[in-house]
């Protein structure tokens, strides 16, 4: 049975979580526990008593944030219009990640966080698969779209977010519109390479981050 924290210890924990949320959103998850402690106005020792390492803090904060992406996908499925549901998920997911640099980094970094974070990541794929399949079956997107194309396109567009954040934070919307136009069904050549399976996409992410 988990022993409740004393009132002062719980206040410090909440201050650390609030500080981490702000710093992760603006600077990404590469900030240190020392940075977070200073921002929270607590001692470094206090930070390490509440969270033994940064992955523990990422798990406490980011599992629910990633689950929000899954909730967005599920809400999109409830839209009766397959194209609006498909495009709307892109728009809302990108807006969420554009506003939170840390969320974007954790979503696309398999090594970040612990099991709750990994579980939240894995839970998104089946819902996105349904979104893609429904759009393909309805004939509103190209028939050769794969589930893994969705996170890869999001990865591409969050790179635009990072590039233009300090100059034009909403520039990614221009490129999202271009991408969505390309995903619509129209006469044209088939895509030159097949999309990755979900498992191959995860392997690609792990390999990419292993080299950086």
N, C-alpha and C. Protein backbone atom coordinates (compact mmCIF):
# COMPACT_ATOMS: atom_id res chain seq x y z
N UNK A 1 0.84 -1.19 0.00
CA UNK A 1 0.00 0.00 0.00
C UNK A 1 0.88 1.24 0.00
N UNK A 2 0.59 2.17 -0.92
CA UNK A 2 1.39 3.38 -1.04
C UNK A 2 1.06 4.35 0.09
N UNK A 3 2.10 4.84 0.78
CA UNK A 3 1.91 5.76 1.90
C UNK A 3 1.75 7.18 1.36
N UNK A 4 0.68 7.88 1.74
CA UNK A 4 0.49 9.25 1.24
C UNK A 4 1.64 10.15 1.68
N UNK A 5 2.00 11.10 0.84
CA UNK A 5 3.04 12.05 1.19
C UNK A 5 2.53 13.04 2.22
N UNK A 6 3.44 13.54 3.06
CA UNK A 6 3.09 14.64 3.94
C UNK A 6 2.66 15.83 3.11
N UNK A 7 1.91 16.75 3.71
CA UNK A 7 1.38 17.90 2.98
C UNK A 7 2.49 18.72 2.33
N UNK A 8 3.59 18.96 3.04
CA UNK A 8 4.68 19.76 2.47
C UNK A 8 5.38 19.01 1.34
N UNK A 9 5.53 17.68 1.51
CA UNK A 9 6.16 16.88 0.46
C UNK A 9 5.30 16.86 -0.79
N UNK A 10 3.97 16.75 -0.61
CA UNK A 10 3.06 16.75 -1.76
C UNK A 10 3.07 18.11 -2.47
N UNK A 11 3.16 19.19 -1.69
CA UNK A 11 3.26 20.52 -2.31
C UNK A 11 4.51 20.62 -3.17
N UNK A 12 5.62 20.12 -2.64
CA UNK A 12 6.87 20.16 -3.42
C UNK A 12 6.76 19.31 -4.68
N UNK A 13 6.11 18.16 -4.57
CA UNK A 13 5.93 17.30 -5.74
C UNK A 13 5.12 18.02 -6.80
N UNK A 14 4.05 18.67 -6.39
CA UNK A 14 3.21 19.39 -7.35
C UNK A 14 3.96 20.57 -7.96
N UNK A 15 4.80 21.24 -7.17
CA UNK A 15 5.61 22.35 -7.71
C UNK A 15 6.60 21.84 -8.74
N UNK A 16 7.18 20.69 -8.47
CA UNK A 16 8.12 20.09 -9.43
C UNK A 16 7.40 19.69 -10.72
N UNK A 17 6.22 19.09 -10.59
CA UNK A 17 5.46 18.70 -11.77
C UNK A 17 5.06 19.92 -12.60
N UNK A 18 4.64 20.99 -11.94
CA UNK A 18 4.25 22.21 -12.66
C UNK A 18 5.45 22.82 -13.37
N UNK A 19 6.60 22.83 -12.68
CA UNK A 19 7.82 23.39 -13.29
C UNK A 19 8.26 22.53 -14.47
N UNK A 20 8.20 21.21 -14.31
CA UNK A 20 8.59 20.31 -15.40
C UNK A 20 7.67 20.48 -16.59
N UNK A 21 6.38 20.60 -16.35
CA UNK A 21 5.43 20.78 -17.45
C UNK A 21 5.76 22.02 -18.26
N UNK A 22 6.09 23.11 -17.57
CA UNK A 22 6.41 24.37 -18.27
C UNK A 22 7.73 24.26 -19.02
N UNK A 23 8.75 23.70 -18.37
CA UNK A 23 10.06 23.61 -19.03
C UNK A 23 10.05 22.60 -20.17
N UNK A 24 9.39 21.46 -19.97
CA UNK A 24 9.30 20.48 -21.06
C UNK A 24 8.60 21.10 -22.27
N UNK A 25 7.55 21.87 -22.03
CA UNK A 25 6.79 22.45 -23.14
C UNK A 25 7.62 23.47 -23.90
N UNK A 26 8.42 24.27 -23.20
CA UNK A 26 9.14 25.35 -23.87
C UNK A 26 10.54 24.96 -24.31
N UNK A 27 11.19 24.06 -23.57
CA UNK A 27 12.59 23.73 -23.86
C UNK A 27 12.82 22.28 -24.24
N UNK A 28 11.83 21.41 -24.04
CA UNK A 28 12.01 20.00 -24.35
C UNK A 28 12.46 19.22 -23.13
N UNK A 29 12.55 17.90 -23.28
CA UNK A 29 12.83 17.05 -22.13
C UNK A 29 14.32 16.91 -21.83
N UNK A 30 15.19 17.63 -22.53
CA UNK A 30 16.60 17.57 -22.23
C UNK A 30 16.98 18.45 -21.04
N UNK A 31 16.03 19.21 -20.49
CA UNK A 31 16.33 19.96 -19.27
C UNK A 31 16.66 18.96 -18.16
N UNK A 32 17.44 19.40 -17.19
CA UNK A 32 17.87 18.50 -16.11
C UNK A 32 16.94 18.62 -14.91
N UNK A 33 17.04 17.65 -14.02
CA UNK A 33 16.30 17.74 -12.76
C UNK A 33 16.73 18.97 -11.97
N UNK A 34 18.00 19.33 -12.06
CA UNK A 34 18.48 20.55 -11.40
C UNK A 34 17.77 21.78 -11.96
N UNK A 35 17.62 21.85 -13.30
CA UNK A 35 16.90 22.97 -13.92
C UNK A 35 15.47 23.04 -13.39
N UNK A 36 14.83 21.86 -13.31
CA UNK A 36 13.43 21.80 -12.87
C UNK A 36 13.31 22.22 -11.42
N UNK A 37 14.25 21.77 -10.59
CA UNK A 37 14.23 22.14 -9.17
C UNK A 37 14.37 23.65 -9.01
N UNK A 38 15.30 24.25 -9.74
CA UNK A 38 15.48 25.71 -9.65
C UNK A 38 14.20 26.43 -10.09
N UNK A 39 13.60 25.96 -11.19
CA UNK A 39 12.39 26.60 -11.70
C UNK A 39 11.23 26.45 -10.71
N UNK A 40 11.22 25.34 -9.97
CA UNK A 40 10.16 25.09 -8.98
C UNK A 40 10.42 25.81 -7.67
N UNK A 41 11.67 26.28 -7.49
CA UNK A 41 12.01 26.95 -6.24
C UNK A 41 12.20 25.99 -5.08
N UNK A 42 12.66 24.77 -5.39
CA UNK A 42 12.94 23.80 -4.33
C UNK A 42 14.39 23.34 -4.47
N UNK A 43 14.90 22.72 -3.44
CA UNK A 43 16.27 22.24 -3.48
C UNK A 43 16.44 21.03 -4.37
N UNK A 44 17.66 20.84 -4.88
CA UNK A 44 17.93 19.69 -5.73
C UNK A 44 17.68 18.38 -4.99
N UNK A 45 18.05 18.34 -3.71
CA UNK A 45 17.82 17.13 -2.93
C UNK A 45 16.35 16.78 -2.83
N UNK A 46 15.52 17.81 -2.70
CA UNK A 46 14.06 17.59 -2.66
C UNK A 46 13.59 16.98 -3.97
N UNK A 47 14.11 17.50 -5.09
CA UNK A 47 13.71 16.98 -6.40
C UNK A 47 14.05 15.50 -6.52
N UNK A 48 15.25 15.11 -6.07
CA UNK A 48 15.66 13.72 -6.20
C UNK A 48 14.94 12.81 -5.21
N UNK A 49 14.45 13.37 -4.08
CA UNK A 49 13.66 12.54 -3.18
C UNK A 49 12.28 12.24 -3.77
N UNK A 50 11.73 13.21 -4.48
CA UNK A 50 10.40 13.01 -5.08
C UNK A 50 10.49 12.20 -6.36
N UNK A 51 11.55 12.42 -7.15
CA UNK A 51 11.73 11.74 -8.43
C UNK A 51 13.19 11.30 -8.54
N UNK A 52 13.47 9.99 -8.45
CA UNK A 52 14.87 9.53 -8.43
C UNK A 52 15.64 9.84 -9.70
N UNK A 53 14.95 10.01 -10.82
CA UNK A 53 15.61 10.37 -12.07
C UNK A 53 14.58 11.04 -12.98
N UNK A 54 15.06 11.56 -14.10
CA UNK A 54 14.17 12.33 -14.98
C UNK A 54 13.14 11.44 -15.65
N UNK A 55 13.47 10.18 -15.92
CA UNK A 55 12.48 9.29 -16.54
C UNK A 55 11.26 9.11 -15.64
N UNK A 56 11.48 9.10 -14.32
CA UNK A 56 10.35 8.98 -13.40
C UNK A 56 9.46 10.21 -13.50
N UNK A 57 10.07 11.36 -13.68
CA UNK A 57 9.31 12.60 -13.82
C UNK A 57 8.59 12.64 -15.17
N UNK A 58 9.27 12.19 -16.21
CA UNK A 58 8.64 12.12 -17.54
C UNK A 58 7.42 11.20 -17.48
N UNK A 59 7.57 10.06 -16.80
CA UNK A 59 6.43 9.14 -16.71
C UNK A 59 5.26 9.78 -15.98
N UNK A 60 5.56 10.47 -14.86
CA UNK A 60 4.50 11.08 -14.06
C UNK A 60 3.74 12.14 -14.85
N UNK A 61 4.45 12.82 -15.74
CA UNK A 61 3.86 13.95 -16.44
C UNK A 61 3.36 13.61 -17.84
N UNK A 62 4.10 12.76 -18.54
CA UNK A 62 3.87 12.62 -19.97
C UNK A 62 2.95 11.47 -20.39
N UNK A 63 2.77 10.48 -19.53
CA UNK A 63 1.89 9.37 -19.92
C UNK A 63 0.48 9.88 -20.22
N UNK A 64 0.00 10.77 -19.36
CA UNK A 64 -1.35 11.32 -19.58
C UNK A 64 -1.38 12.25 -20.78
N UNK A 65 -0.29 12.97 -21.03
CA UNK A 65 -0.23 13.86 -22.19
C UNK A 65 -0.28 13.05 -23.49
N UNK A 66 0.45 11.94 -23.52
CA UNK A 66 0.42 11.09 -24.71
C UNK A 66 -0.97 10.47 -24.88
N UNK A 67 -1.58 10.10 -23.74
CA UNK A 67 -2.93 9.54 -23.80
C UNK A 67 -3.91 10.54 -24.41
N UNK A 68 -3.62 11.84 -24.28
CA UNK A 68 -4.48 12.85 -24.91
C UNK A 68 -4.49 12.68 -26.42
N UNK A 69 -3.35 12.30 -27.00
CA UNK A 69 -3.30 12.07 -28.44
C UNK A 69 -4.21 10.89 -28.82
N UNK A 70 -4.17 9.84 -28.01
CA UNK A 70 -5.05 8.71 -28.25
C UNK A 70 -6.52 9.10 -28.14
N UNK A 71 -6.81 9.97 -27.17
CA UNK A 71 -8.18 10.45 -27.00
C UNK A 71 -8.62 11.28 -28.20
N UNK A 72 -7.69 12.07 -28.74
CA UNK A 72 -8.02 12.86 -29.95
C UNK A 72 -8.36 11.93 -31.11
N UNK A 73 -7.58 10.87 -31.27
CA UNK A 73 -7.86 9.91 -32.35
C UNK A 73 -9.22 9.27 -32.14
N UNK A 74 -9.52 8.89 -30.90
CA UNK A 74 -10.81 8.26 -30.61
C UNK A 74 -11.97 9.22 -30.87
N UNK A 75 -11.81 10.49 -30.46
CA UNK A 75 -12.84 11.50 -30.73
C UNK A 75 -13.02 11.70 -32.23
N UNK A 76 -11.91 11.66 -32.96
CA UNK A 76 -12.01 11.83 -34.42
C UNK A 76 -12.83 10.72 -35.05
N UNK A 77 -12.69 9.49 -34.52
CA UNK A 77 -13.46 8.37 -35.05
C UNK A 77 -14.97 8.57 -34.89
N UNK A 78 -15.35 9.38 -33.93
CA UNK A 78 -16.77 9.62 -33.69
C UNK A 78 -17.38 10.60 -34.70
N UNK A 79 -16.52 11.29 -35.47
CA UNK A 79 -17.02 12.18 -36.52
C UNK A 79 -17.55 11.32 -37.66
N UNK A 80 -18.78 11.51 -38.09
CA UNK A 80 -19.34 10.65 -39.15
C UNK A 80 -18.72 10.88 -40.52
N UNK A 81 -17.99 11.96 -40.70
CA UNK A 81 -17.37 12.26 -41.99
C UNK A 81 -15.95 11.71 -42.00
N UNK A 82 -15.64 10.67 -42.79
CA UNK A 82 -14.33 10.03 -42.74
C UNK A 82 -13.17 10.98 -43.06
N UNK A 83 -13.35 11.87 -44.06
CA UNK A 83 -12.26 12.79 -44.38
C UNK A 83 -12.05 13.80 -43.27
N UNK A 84 -13.13 14.37 -42.76
CA UNK A 84 -13.01 15.36 -41.70
C UNK A 84 -12.37 14.74 -40.46
N UNK A 85 -12.72 13.49 -40.18
CA UNK A 85 -12.13 12.78 -39.04
C UNK A 85 -10.63 12.58 -39.25
N UNK A 86 -10.25 12.14 -40.44
CA UNK A 86 -8.84 11.88 -40.77
C UNK A 86 -8.02 13.17 -40.71
N UNK A 87 -8.49 14.19 -41.42
CA UNK A 87 -7.75 15.46 -41.45
C UNK A 87 -7.77 16.15 -40.09
N UNK A 88 -8.90 16.05 -39.39
CA UNK A 88 -9.02 16.69 -38.09
C UNK A 88 -8.05 16.13 -37.07
N UNK A 89 -7.80 14.81 -37.14
CA UNK A 89 -6.83 14.24 -36.21
C UNK A 89 -5.45 14.82 -36.45
N UNK A 90 -5.04 14.92 -37.71
CA UNK A 90 -3.76 15.54 -38.02
C UNK A 90 -3.69 16.94 -37.43
N UNK A 91 -4.71 17.73 -37.68
CA UNK A 91 -4.70 19.13 -37.25
C UNK A 91 -4.60 19.26 -35.74
N UNK A 92 -5.40 18.48 -35.02
CA UNK A 92 -5.45 18.61 -33.57
C UNK A 92 -4.19 18.02 -32.91
N UNK A 93 -3.70 16.90 -33.44
CA UNK A 93 -2.50 16.29 -32.87
C UNK A 93 -1.29 17.20 -33.08
N UNK A 94 -1.18 17.79 -34.26
CA UNK A 94 -0.05 18.68 -34.52
C UNK A 94 -0.13 19.94 -33.67
N UNK A 95 -1.32 20.46 -33.47
CA UNK A 95 -1.47 21.65 -32.62
C UNK A 95 -1.02 21.33 -31.19
N UNK A 96 -1.35 20.14 -30.70
CA UNK A 96 -0.95 19.74 -29.36
C UNK A 96 0.56 19.65 -29.24
N UNK A 97 1.20 19.02 -30.24
CA UNK A 97 2.65 18.86 -30.18
C UNK A 97 3.39 20.16 -30.47
N UNK A 98 2.80 21.03 -31.29
CA UNK A 98 3.42 22.33 -31.55
C UNK A 98 3.47 23.18 -30.29
N UNK A 99 2.48 22.99 -29.42
CA UNK A 99 2.42 23.78 -28.19
C UNK A 99 3.25 23.17 -27.07
N UNK A 100 3.75 21.96 -27.27
CA UNK A 100 4.48 21.26 -26.20
C UNK A 100 5.65 20.50 -26.80
N UNK A 101 6.81 21.14 -26.76
CA UNK A 101 8.01 20.52 -27.36
C UNK A 101 8.34 19.19 -26.70
N UNK A 102 8.17 19.10 -25.39
CA UNK A 102 8.48 17.86 -24.69
C UNK A 102 7.58 16.71 -25.11
N UNK A 103 6.30 17.00 -25.32
CA UNK A 103 5.38 15.96 -25.76
C UNK A 103 5.83 15.39 -27.10
N UNK A 104 6.17 16.27 -28.02
CA UNK A 104 6.64 15.81 -29.33
C UNK A 104 7.88 14.92 -29.18
N UNK A 105 8.82 15.33 -28.33
CA UNK A 105 10.05 14.56 -28.17
C UNK A 105 9.79 13.19 -27.56
N UNK A 106 8.89 13.13 -26.58
CA UNK A 106 8.61 11.85 -25.93
C UNK A 106 7.84 10.92 -26.86
N UNK A 107 6.90 11.46 -27.64
CA UNK A 107 6.14 10.64 -28.58
C UNK A 107 7.06 9.97 -29.58
N UNK A 108 8.08 10.69 -30.05
CA UNK A 108 8.95 10.17 -31.10
C UNK A 108 10.29 9.66 -30.58
N UNK A 109 10.41 9.46 -29.26
CA UNK A 109 11.66 8.94 -28.68
C UNK A 109 11.34 7.71 -27.84
N UNK A 110 11.46 6.52 -28.40
CA UNK A 110 11.07 5.30 -27.68
C UNK A 110 11.80 5.11 -26.36
N UNK A 111 13.00 5.69 -26.21
CA UNK A 111 13.76 5.49 -24.98
C UNK A 111 13.35 6.41 -23.85
N UNK A 112 12.47 7.37 -24.11
CA UNK A 112 12.07 8.34 -23.08
C UNK A 112 10.96 7.77 -22.21
N UNK A 113 11.08 7.93 -20.89
CA UNK A 113 10.02 7.53 -19.99
C UNK A 113 10.08 6.06 -19.64
N UNK A 114 9.04 5.60 -18.94
CA UNK A 114 8.97 4.23 -18.48
C UNK A 114 7.78 3.52 -19.12
N UNK A 115 7.33 2.44 -18.47
CA UNK A 115 6.33 1.58 -19.10
C UNK A 115 5.00 2.29 -19.34
N UNK A 116 4.57 3.16 -18.42
CA UNK A 116 3.30 3.87 -18.64
C UNK A 116 3.35 4.71 -19.91
N UNK A 117 4.50 5.34 -20.14
CA UNK A 117 4.68 6.16 -21.35
C UNK A 117 4.66 5.26 -22.58
N UNK A 118 5.38 4.13 -22.52
CA UNK A 118 5.42 3.20 -23.65
C UNK A 118 4.03 2.65 -23.94
N UNK A 119 3.28 2.33 -22.89
CA UNK A 119 1.92 1.80 -23.07
C UNK A 119 1.03 2.85 -23.74
N UNK A 120 1.15 4.11 -23.31
CA UNK A 120 0.34 5.18 -23.91
C UNK A 120 0.67 5.35 -25.38
N UNK A 121 1.97 5.23 -25.73
CA UNK A 121 2.38 5.31 -27.14
C UNK A 121 1.73 4.18 -27.95
N UNK A 122 1.84 2.96 -27.42
CA UNK A 122 1.34 1.79 -28.16
C UNK A 122 -0.16 1.84 -28.34
N UNK A 123 -0.86 2.44 -27.40
CA UNK A 123 -2.32 2.46 -27.45
C UNK A 123 -2.87 3.33 -28.58
N UNK A 124 -2.04 4.22 -29.12
CA UNK A 124 -2.51 5.12 -30.17
C UNK A 124 -2.67 4.39 -31.50
N UNK A 125 -1.75 3.48 -31.81
CA UNK A 125 -1.70 2.85 -33.14
C UNK A 125 -3.00 2.17 -33.57
N UNK A 126 -3.66 1.37 -32.72
CA UNK A 126 -4.89 0.71 -33.19
C UNK A 126 -6.00 1.70 -33.56
N UNK A 127 -6.07 2.82 -32.83
CA UNK A 127 -7.11 3.81 -33.12
C UNK A 127 -6.80 4.52 -34.44
N UNK A 128 -5.53 4.87 -34.64
CA UNK A 128 -5.14 5.51 -35.90
C UNK A 128 -5.37 4.56 -37.07
N UNK A 129 -5.12 3.26 -36.86
CA UNK A 129 -5.38 2.27 -37.91
C UNK A 129 -6.84 2.31 -38.34
N UNK A 130 -7.75 2.42 -37.38
CA UNK A 130 -9.18 2.49 -37.70
C UNK A 130 -9.49 3.77 -38.49
N UNK A 131 -8.87 4.88 -38.08
CA UNK A 131 -9.10 6.15 -38.79
C UNK A 131 -8.67 6.03 -40.25
N UNK A 132 -7.47 5.46 -40.45
CA UNK A 132 -6.93 5.31 -41.81
C UNK A 132 -7.80 4.36 -42.62
N UNK A 133 -8.14 3.21 -42.05
CA UNK A 133 -8.94 2.21 -42.78
C UNK A 133 -10.30 2.78 -43.18
N UNK A 134 -10.92 3.51 -42.27
CA UNK A 134 -12.24 4.06 -42.59
C UNK A 134 -12.14 5.07 -43.73
N UNK A 135 -11.08 5.90 -43.71
CA UNK A 135 -10.90 6.89 -44.77
C UNK A 135 -10.62 6.22 -46.12
N UNK A 136 -9.80 5.15 -46.09
CA UNK A 136 -9.49 4.41 -47.32
C UNK A 136 -10.76 3.72 -47.84
N UNK A 137 -11.49 3.05 -46.95
CA UNK A 137 -12.70 2.33 -47.35
C UNK A 137 -13.76 3.29 -47.92
N UNK A 138 -13.78 4.52 -47.39
CA UNK A 138 -14.75 5.50 -47.88
C UNK A 138 -14.31 6.14 -49.19
N UNK A 139 -13.07 5.85 -49.60
CA UNK A 139 -12.58 6.40 -50.86
C UNK A 139 -12.20 7.87 -50.80
N UNK A 140 -11.87 8.37 -49.58
CA UNK A 140 -11.54 9.80 -49.46
C UNK A 140 -10.04 10.06 -49.37
N UNK A 141 -9.26 9.00 -49.18
CA UNK A 141 -7.80 9.13 -49.22
C UNK A 141 -7.24 8.09 -50.16
N UNK A 142 -6.00 8.29 -50.52
CA UNK A 142 -5.35 7.33 -51.42
C UNK A 142 -5.41 5.92 -50.84
N UNK A 143 -5.59 4.92 -51.66
CA UNK A 143 -5.70 3.55 -51.15
C UNK A 143 -4.39 2.96 -50.66
N UNK A 144 -3.26 3.60 -50.98
CA UNK A 144 -1.97 3.04 -50.57
C UNK A 144 -1.41 3.70 -49.31
N UNK A 145 -2.26 4.39 -48.54
CA UNK A 145 -1.83 4.98 -47.29
C UNK A 145 -1.73 3.89 -46.22
N UNK A 146 -0.66 3.93 -45.43
CA UNK A 146 -0.45 2.97 -44.33
C UNK A 146 -0.60 3.69 -42.99
N UNK A 147 -0.92 2.93 -41.96
CA UNK A 147 -1.04 3.52 -40.62
C UNK A 147 0.23 4.25 -40.23
N UNK A 148 1.38 3.66 -40.53
CA UNK A 148 2.66 4.28 -40.13
C UNK A 148 2.91 5.59 -40.84
N UNK A 149 2.22 5.85 -41.96
CA UNK A 149 2.40 7.14 -42.64
C UNK A 149 1.95 8.30 -41.75
N UNK A 150 0.98 8.06 -40.86
CA UNK A 150 0.46 9.13 -40.02
C UNK A 150 1.53 9.66 -39.06
N UNK A 151 2.17 8.81 -38.21
CA UNK A 151 3.22 9.36 -37.34
C UNK A 151 4.43 9.88 -38.11
N UNK A 152 4.75 9.27 -39.25
CA UNK A 152 5.91 9.76 -40.01
C UNK A 152 5.62 11.15 -40.56
N UNK A 153 4.42 11.37 -41.06
CA UNK A 153 4.05 12.71 -41.54
C UNK A 153 4.05 13.70 -40.38
N UNK A 154 3.52 13.27 -39.22
CA UNK A 154 3.57 14.13 -38.04
C UNK A 154 5.01 14.48 -37.66
N UNK A 155 5.89 13.48 -37.76
CA UNK A 155 7.31 13.71 -37.46
C UNK A 155 7.89 14.75 -38.42
N UNK A 156 7.57 14.62 -39.69
CA UNK A 156 8.04 15.60 -40.69
C UNK A 156 7.55 17.00 -40.33
N UNK A 157 6.28 17.11 -40.01
CA UNK A 157 5.69 18.42 -39.78
C UNK A 157 6.12 19.04 -38.45
N UNK A 158 6.42 18.21 -37.44
CA UNK A 158 6.94 18.78 -36.20
C UNK A 158 8.36 19.31 -36.39
N UNK A 159 9.06 18.81 -37.41
CA UNK A 159 10.35 19.39 -37.76
C UNK A 159 10.17 20.82 -38.27
N UNK A 160 9.11 21.05 -39.04
CA UNK A 160 8.78 22.41 -39.48
C UNK A 160 8.47 23.28 -38.27
N UNK A 161 7.77 22.74 -37.29
CA UNK A 161 7.47 23.48 -36.05
C UNK A 161 8.76 23.95 -35.41
N UNK A 162 9.73 23.05 -35.26
CA UNK A 162 10.99 23.40 -34.62
C UNK A 162 11.76 24.43 -35.44
N UNK A 163 11.75 24.28 -36.75
CA UNK A 163 12.47 25.20 -37.63
C UNK A 163 11.94 26.62 -37.53
N UNK A 164 10.62 26.76 -37.46
CA UNK A 164 10.00 28.08 -37.59
C UNK A 164 9.42 28.63 -36.29
N UNK A 165 9.63 27.91 -35.17
CA UNK A 165 8.99 28.27 -33.90
C UNK A 165 9.19 29.74 -33.54
N UNK A 166 10.41 30.26 -33.71
CA UNK A 166 10.70 31.63 -33.27
C UNK A 166 10.42 32.68 -34.35
N UNK A 167 10.07 32.22 -35.55
CA UNK A 167 9.83 33.16 -36.65
C UNK A 167 8.35 33.20 -37.02
N UNK A 168 7.76 32.02 -37.25
CA UNK A 168 6.34 31.91 -37.59
C UNK A 168 5.83 30.59 -37.02
N UNK A 169 5.33 30.61 -35.77
CA UNK A 169 4.96 29.36 -35.09
C UNK A 169 3.88 28.55 -35.79
N UNK A 170 3.11 29.17 -36.66
CA UNK A 170 2.02 28.44 -37.32
C UNK A 170 2.36 28.05 -38.76
N UNK A 171 3.63 28.17 -39.12
CA UNK A 171 4.02 27.82 -40.49
C UNK A 171 3.69 26.37 -40.83
N UNK A 172 3.75 25.50 -39.83
CA UNK A 172 3.47 24.07 -40.09
C UNK A 172 2.09 23.86 -40.71
N UNK A 173 1.16 24.78 -40.45
CA UNK A 173 -0.19 24.63 -41.00
C UNK A 173 -0.18 24.71 -42.53
N UNK A 174 0.75 25.50 -43.07
CA UNK A 174 0.88 25.59 -44.54
C UNK A 174 1.24 24.22 -45.11
N UNK A 175 2.23 23.57 -44.47
CA UNK A 175 2.71 22.29 -44.99
C UNK A 175 1.74 21.16 -44.67
N UNK A 176 1.00 21.29 -43.59
CA UNK A 176 -0.06 20.32 -43.32
C UNK A 176 -1.11 20.38 -44.43
N UNK A 177 -1.47 21.57 -44.86
CA UNK A 177 -2.46 21.71 -45.93
C UNK A 177 -1.95 21.08 -47.23
N UNK A 178 -0.66 21.28 -47.52
CA UNK A 178 -0.07 20.69 -48.72
C UNK A 178 -0.10 19.16 -48.63
N UNK A 179 0.27 18.63 -47.45
CA UNK A 179 0.29 17.17 -47.25
C UNK A 179 -1.12 16.59 -47.36
N UNK A 180 -2.08 17.22 -46.70
CA UNK A 180 -3.45 16.70 -46.75
C UNK A 180 -4.00 16.71 -48.18
N UNK A 181 -3.65 17.73 -48.93
CA UNK A 181 -4.08 17.77 -50.33
C UNK A 181 -3.49 16.58 -51.10
N UNK A 182 -2.25 16.24 -50.78
CA UNK A 182 -1.61 15.11 -51.45
C UNK A 182 -2.18 13.76 -51.03
N UNK A 183 -2.81 13.71 -49.85
CA UNK A 183 -3.37 12.45 -49.37
C UNK A 183 -4.76 12.17 -49.92
N UNK A 184 -5.41 13.19 -50.45
CA UNK A 184 -6.75 12.99 -50.99
C UNK A 184 -6.71 12.09 -52.23
N UNK A 185 -7.81 11.40 -52.45
CA UNK A 185 -7.90 10.55 -53.64
C UNK A 185 -7.95 11.41 -54.89
N UNK A 186 -7.12 11.09 -55.85
CA UNK A 186 -7.11 11.79 -57.13
C UNK A 186 -6.37 10.91 -58.13
N UNK A 187 -6.50 11.22 -59.39
CA UNK A 187 -5.76 10.48 -60.39
C UNK A 187 -4.27 10.78 -60.24
N UNK A 188 -3.46 9.78 -60.28
CA UNK A 188 -2.02 9.99 -60.16
C UNK A 188 -1.30 8.68 -60.04
N UNK A 189 0.01 8.77 -60.00
CA UNK A 189 0.83 7.56 -59.91
C UNK A 189 0.76 7.00 -58.49
N UNK A 190 0.91 5.67 -58.36
CA UNK A 190 0.99 5.08 -57.03
C UNK A 190 2.28 5.52 -56.33
N UNK A 191 2.29 5.44 -55.02
CA UNK A 191 3.49 5.81 -54.27
C UNK A 191 4.61 4.84 -54.61
N UNK A 192 5.86 5.32 -54.71
CA UNK A 192 6.96 4.49 -55.21
C UNK A 192 7.43 3.41 -54.23
N UNK A 193 7.14 3.59 -52.93
CA UNK A 193 7.59 2.63 -51.91
C UNK A 193 6.43 2.36 -50.97
N UNK A 194 6.29 1.12 -50.52
CA UNK A 194 5.22 0.79 -49.57
C UNK A 194 5.50 1.41 -48.21
N UNK A 195 4.43 1.70 -47.47
CA UNK A 195 4.58 2.22 -46.12
C UNK A 195 5.11 1.15 -45.18
N UNK A 196 5.72 1.58 -44.08
CA UNK A 196 6.23 0.66 -43.07
C UNK A 196 5.08 0.04 -42.28
N UNK A 197 5.31 -1.14 -41.76
CA UNK A 197 4.39 -1.67 -40.76
C UNK A 197 4.59 -0.87 -39.47
N UNK A 198 3.65 -0.98 -38.54
CA UNK A 198 3.80 -0.28 -37.26
C UNK A 198 5.07 -0.75 -36.55
N UNK A 199 5.35 -2.05 -36.60
CA UNK A 199 6.55 -2.59 -35.95
C UNK A 199 7.82 -2.04 -36.59
N UNK A 200 7.83 -1.97 -37.93
CA UNK A 200 9.02 -1.45 -38.62
C UNK A 200 9.21 0.03 -38.32
N UNK A 201 8.10 0.76 -38.17
CA UNK A 201 8.21 2.18 -37.81
C UNK A 201 8.86 2.32 -36.43
N UNK A 202 8.46 1.49 -35.46
CA UNK A 202 9.07 1.55 -34.14
C UNK A 202 10.56 1.22 -34.21
N UNK A 203 10.92 0.24 -35.03
CA UNK A 203 12.33 -0.10 -35.19
C UNK A 203 13.11 1.05 -35.81
N UNK A 204 12.48 1.73 -36.77
CA UNK A 204 13.13 2.88 -37.41
C UNK A 204 13.38 3.99 -36.40
N UNK A 205 12.38 4.26 -35.54
CA UNK A 205 12.54 5.28 -34.50
C UNK A 205 13.69 4.92 -33.56
N UNK A 206 13.73 3.67 -33.13
CA UNK A 206 14.77 3.24 -32.20
C UNK A 206 16.15 3.37 -32.84
N UNK A 207 16.25 2.97 -34.11
CA UNK A 207 17.52 3.08 -34.82
C UNK A 207 17.94 4.53 -35.00
N UNK A 208 16.96 5.39 -35.36
CA UNK A 208 17.25 6.82 -35.55
C UNK A 208 17.78 7.44 -34.28
N UNK A 209 17.12 7.17 -33.16
CA UNK A 209 17.55 7.78 -31.90
C UNK A 209 18.82 7.14 -31.37
N UNK A 210 19.09 5.90 -31.79
CA UNK A 210 20.35 5.28 -31.40
C UNK A 210 21.56 5.92 -32.06
N UNK A 211 21.31 6.63 -33.17
CA UNK A 211 22.42 7.26 -33.91
C UNK A 211 22.58 8.73 -33.53
N UNK A 212 21.63 9.29 -32.74
CA UNK A 212 21.69 10.72 -32.41
C UNK A 212 22.15 10.95 -30.99
